[in-house]
Amino acid sequence: QVQLVESGGGLVQAGGSLRPPCVASGTLFSIYAMRWYRQAPGKQQRDLVATITTGGITNYADSVKGRFTVTRDNGKSTVYLQMNSLKPEDTAVYYCNAESQRTHRQYWGQGTQVTVSS
């Protein structure tokens, strides 16, 4: 069983930065592709924000390219989302997702709230 725990969200002014971590436990972290999703207020779906593969290849949604950076530290079983130049439209609950590259089973964290004030 894989557990994912996000933290590091909060209230920040537009233009500010946050770097929430997602810590994994109960698994061999290096075999999982890691993704960050977000769910904006009033929306039912979660949108993919950033991906980092087991080999460290990254991909980003167009809306965050150039502002967000995803990194992973396999020794600490942690993935980070560095968020710079935050905008009010980045306000959402941010969720961490892990997908096993062996079984393709996916796991989710409980989410961390990010609120950007104008």
Protein backbone atom coordinates (compact mmCIF):
# COMPACT_ATOMS: atom_id res chain seq x y z
CA GLN A 1 0.00 0.00 0.00
CA VAL A 2 1.30 3.44 -0.99
CA GLN A 3 0.65 6.52 1.09
CA LEU A 4 1.11 10.02 -0.31
CA VAL A 5 1.09 13.07 1.94
CA GLU A 6 1.12 16.60 0.57
CA SER A 7 1.88 19.68 2.62
CA GLY A 8 3.15 23.21 2.13
CA GLY A 9 0.05 24.82 0.73
CA GLY A 10 -1.30 28.10 2.03
CA LEU A 11 -2.33 31.65 1.26
CA VAL A 12 0.02 33.74 -0.85
CA GLN A 13 -0.24 37.02 -2.71
CA ALA A 14 -0.15 37.13 -6.49
CA GLY A 15 3.43 37.00 -7.69
CA GLY A 16 4.52 34.92 -4.72
CA SER A 17 5.93 31.42 -4.52
CA LEU A 18 5.23 28.10 -2.81
CA ARG A 19 7.00 24.75 -2.89
CA PRO A 20 4.72 22.00 -1.59
CA PRO A 21 6.28 18.58 -1.10
CA CYS A 22 4.60 15.20 -1.50
CA VAL A 23 6.13 12.43 0.58
CA ALA A 24 5.57 8.79 -0.36
CA SER A 25 5.80 5.83 1.97
CA GLY A 26 5.23 2.10 1.81
CA THR A 27 6.81 1.63 -1.59
CA LEU A 28 9.89 1.75 -3.79
CA PHE A 29 9.52 5.38 -4.80
CA SER A 30 11.88 5.24 -7.78
CA ILE A 31 9.56 3.01 -9.83
CA TYR A 32 6.70 5.51 -9.75
CA ALA A 33 5.97 8.28 -12.22
CA MET A 34 4.77 11.23 -10.19
CA ARG A 35 2.19 13.82 -11.16
CA TRP A 36 0.62 16.93 -9.66
CA TYR A 37 -3.02 17.67 -10.39
CA ARG A 38 -5.21 20.52 -9.22
CA GLN A 39 -8.91 21.01 -8.70
CA ALA A 40 -10.12 24.59 -8.86
CA PRO A 41 -13.06 25.85 -6.77
CA GLY A 42 -16.39 24.86 -8.28
CA LYS A 43 -14.86 22.40 -10.74
CA GLN A 44 -15.43 18.67 -10.51
CA GLN A 45 -12.44 17.55 -12.53
CA ARG A 46 -8.81 17.52 -11.57
CA ASP A 47 -6.47 19.00 -14.16
CA LEU A 48 -2.98 17.67 -14.77
CA VAL A 49 -0.37 20.29 -13.87
CA ALA A 50 3.01 18.57 -14.03
CA THR A 51 4.59 15.15 -14.55
CA ILE A 52 8.01 13.73 -13.73
CA THR A 53 8.90 10.26 -14.94
CA THR A 54 11.10 7.69 -13.26
CA GLY A 55 13.90 8.95 -15.50
CA GLY A 56 13.37 12.56 -14.52
CA ILE A 57 11.65 13.72 -17.71
CA THR A 58 9.18 16.52 -16.98
CA ASN A 59 6.09 17.83 -18.69
CA TYR A 60 3.79 20.74 -17.84
CA ALA A 61 0.37 22.12 -18.61
CA ASP A 62 0.55 25.17 -20.86
CA SER A 63 -0.95 27.33 -18.12
CA VAL A 64 2.04 26.77 -15.80
CA LYS A 65 4.96 26.43 -18.20
CA GLY A 66 7.80 28.73 -17.24
CA ARG A 67 6.37 29.28 -13.75
CA PHE A 68 6.18 25.80 -12.17
CA THR A 69 8.96 23.24 -11.82
CA VAL A 70 8.54 19.64 -10.68
CA THR A 71 11.48 17.76 -9.15
CA ARG A 72 11.94 14.50 -7.30
CA ASP A 73 14.35 13.25 -4.65
CA ASN A 74 14.30 9.47 -4.73
CA GLY A 75 16.45 9.25 -1.61
CA LYS A 76 13.76 11.10 0.34
CA SER A 77 10.80 9.54 -1.55
CA THR A 78 9.59 13.07 -2.20
CA VAL A 79 8.36 15.06 -5.17
CA TYR A 80 8.23 18.85 -5.09
CA LEU A 81 6.26 21.42 -7.07
CA GLN A 82 8.04 24.77 -7.15
CA MET A 83 5.40 27.37 -7.98
CA ASN A 84 6.59 30.86 -8.88
CA SER A 85 4.79 33.96 -10.13
CA LEU A 86 1.54 32.65 -8.73
CA LYS A 87 -1.72 34.00 -10.09
CA PRO A 88 -5.22 34.04 -8.58
CA GLU A 89 -6.25 31.46 -11.19
CA ASP A 90 -3.75 29.04 -9.67
CA THR A 91 -6.01 28.81 -6.61
CA ALA A 92 -6.94 25.16 -6.19
CA VAL A 93 -6.45 22.03 -4.15
CA TYR A 94 -3.24 20.41 -5.38
CA TYR A 95 -3.06 16.62 -5.41
CA CYS A 96 -0.08 14.32 -5.73
CA ASN A 97 -0.46 11.17 -7.86
CA ALA A 98 1.83 8.16 -8.16
CA GLU A 99 1.67 5.57 -10.94
CA SER A 100 3.65 2.35 -10.76
CA GLN A 101 5.60 1.75 -13.95
CA ARG A 102 5.28 -2.00 -13.31
CA THR A 103 1.56 -2.37 -12.58
CA HIS A 104 0.22 1.08 -13.66
CA ARG A 105 -1.78 1.22 -10.44
CA GLN A 106 -2.31 4.77 -9.27
CA TYR A 107 -2.44 6.33 -5.82
CA TRP A 108 -3.55 9.76 -4.62
CA GLY A 109 -2.72 12.02 -1.73
CA GLN A 110 -5.30 13.95 0.26
CA GLY A 111 -4.46 17.31 -1.32
CA THR A 112 -3.14 20.64 -0.12
CA GLN A 113 -4.97 23.94 -0.55
CA VAL A 114 -3.25 26.77 -2.39
CA THR A 115 -4.96 30.16 -2.38
CA VAL A 116 -3.55 33.10 -4.32
CA SER A 117 -4.94 36.54 -3.50
CA SER A 118 -4.94 39.40 -5.94
